[in-house]
Protein backbone atom coordinates (compact mmCIF):
# COMPACT_ATOMS: atom_id res chain seq x y z
CA MET A 1 -51.91 192.27 50.18
CA THR A 2 -49.03 194.39 51.49
CA GLU A 3 -46.39 192.92 53.51
CA SER A 4 -45.94 194.58 56.70
CA ALA A 5 -42.10 195.56 57.96
CA SER A 6 -42.85 193.43 60.98
CA ASP A 7 -43.73 190.48 59.09
CA PHE A 8 -41.86 187.44 60.13
CA SER A 9 -41.66 186.07 56.79
CA ILE A 10 -39.65 189.08 55.34
CA VAL A 11 -37.27 188.76 58.24
CA LYS A 12 -36.92 185.22 57.33
CA SER A 13 -36.24 185.49 53.68
CA TYR A 14 -33.44 187.80 54.53
CA VAL A 15 -31.85 185.65 56.95
CA GLU A 16 -32.30 182.65 54.31
CA LEU A 17 -30.79 185.02 51.54
CA LYS A 18 -27.77 186.06 54.00
CA ALA A 19 -27.01 182.53 54.90
CA LYS A 20 -26.88 181.74 50.97
CA TYR A 21 -24.50 184.86 50.65
CA ASP A 22 -22.46 183.76 53.23
CA SER A 23 -22.30 180.05 52.08
CA GLU A 24 -21.30 181.34 48.65
CA ILE A 25 -18.63 183.72 50.22
CA ARG A 26 -17.23 180.92 52.17
CA LYS A 27 -16.89 178.64 49.04
CA LEU A 28 -15.38 181.26 46.98
CA SER A 29 -12.79 181.96 49.88
CA GLU A 30 -12.10 178.37 50.01
CA SER A 31 -11.82 177.97 46.39
CA SER A 32 -9.51 181.07 46.26
CA ARG A 33 -7.32 179.64 49.00
CA SER A 34 -6.93 176.09 47.39
CA VAL A 35 -6.20 177.96 43.95
CA GLU A 36 -3.46 180.15 45.77
CA GLY A 37 -2.12 177.07 47.73
CA LYS A 38 -1.70 175.28 44.13
CA TYR A 39 -0.04 178.45 42.75
CA LYS A 40 1.95 178.93 45.73
CA SER A 41 3.43 175.27 45.40
CA HIS A 42 3.91 175.81 41.82
CA ILE A 43 5.78 179.09 42.26
CA THR A 44 8.06 177.23 44.76
CA LEU A 45 8.67 174.50 42.31
CA LEU A 46 9.66 177.14 39.61
CA GLU A 47 12.07 178.96 42.03
CA SER A 48 13.83 175.66 43.04
CA GLU A 49 14.04 174.88 39.07
CA ILE A 50 15.37 178.22 38.51
CA ALA A 51 17.84 178.32 41.31
CA LYS A 52 19.14 174.62 39.88
CA ARG A 53 19.53 176.35 36.50
CA ASN A 54 21.51 179.25 38.13
CA GLU A 55 23.67 176.85 39.64
CA TYR A 56 24.40 175.03 36.29
CA ILE A 57 25.05 178.50 34.73
CA LYS A 58 27.61 179.41 37.20
CA ALA A 59 29.34 176.13 36.98
CA GLN A 60 29.11 176.59 33.21
CA GLU A 61 30.94 179.95 33.52
CA ALA A 62 33.56 178.77 35.89
CA LYS A 63 34.50 176.05 33.29
CA ILE A 64 34.48 178.83 30.22
CA GLN A 65 37.04 180.80 32.89
CA GLU A 66 39.27 177.68 33.32
CA LEU A 67 39.28 176.85 29.70
CA THR A 68 39.90 180.45 28.66
CA HIS A 69 42.70 180.66 30.97
CA LYS A 70 44.07 177.26 29.83
CA MET A 71 43.92 178.96 26.18
CA ALA A 72 46.05 181.86 27.03
CA GLU A 73 48.45 179.59 28.45
CA ARG A 74 48.48 177.47 25.68
CA ASP A 75 48.86 180.49 23.45
CA GLU A 76 51.76 181.75 25.49
CA GLN A 77 53.41 178.42 25.05
CA LEU A 78 52.87 178.71 21.34
CA ARG A 79 54.46 182.03 21.23
CA SER A 80 57.60 181.19 23.13
CA LEU A 81 57.69 177.89 21.06
CA GLY A 82 57.52 179.91 17.80
CA ASN A 83 60.07 182.37 19.27
CA GLN A 84 62.69 179.35 20.07
CA LEU A 85 62.05 178.19 16.54
CA ASN A 86 62.78 181.25 14.78
CA GLN A 87 66.02 181.61 16.77
CA LEU A 88 67.04 178.12 15.79
CA LYS A 89 66.32 178.66 12.35
CA ALA A 90 68.15 182.14 12.45
CA GLY A 91 71.29 180.25 14.11
CA ALA A 92 71.20 177.37 11.52
CA ALA A 93 71.16 179.94 8.83
CA ALA A 94 73.96 181.78 10.53
CA GLY A 95 75.68 178.33 11.00
CA ALA A 96 75.32 177.53 7.44
CA ASP A 97 76.62 180.91 6.09
CA ALA A 98 79.53 180.33 8.41
CA GLU A 99 80.34 176.86 6.86
CA ALA A 100 79.88 178.26 3.42
CA LYS A 101 82.42 181.07 4.27
CA LYS A 102 84.80 178.42 5.62
CA GLY A 103 84.63 176.23 2.43
CA LYS A 104 86.00 179.38 0.39
CA PHE A 105 89.07 179.74 2.78
CA GLY A 106 89.96 176.24 2.74
CA MET A 107 92.68 174.58 0.98
CA PHE A 108 90.61 173.73 -2.09
CA LYS A 109 89.93 177.18 -3.31
């Protein structure tokens, strides 16, 4: 027997099918919302971790700059001490030459 378009059973099956699809859509949207929430919390956790690491990197860069500045100061001190040492050596050598010359012109030639 052919079903007529005005048969209530056809309308009833379409309503049941629509209810089934609506419930599936609701489940999927709830599932996607829960997954989305989970990933949003994970993203915020990762962003906070990145911010902590950026702060650590900035602190390390500041330490590197400070140490570089100290090394430059130490290098300058070493240069000035080296120059002073060279001047003292040159002065001592000149003094030794003067002593040697004095010895020749003394009483005991």
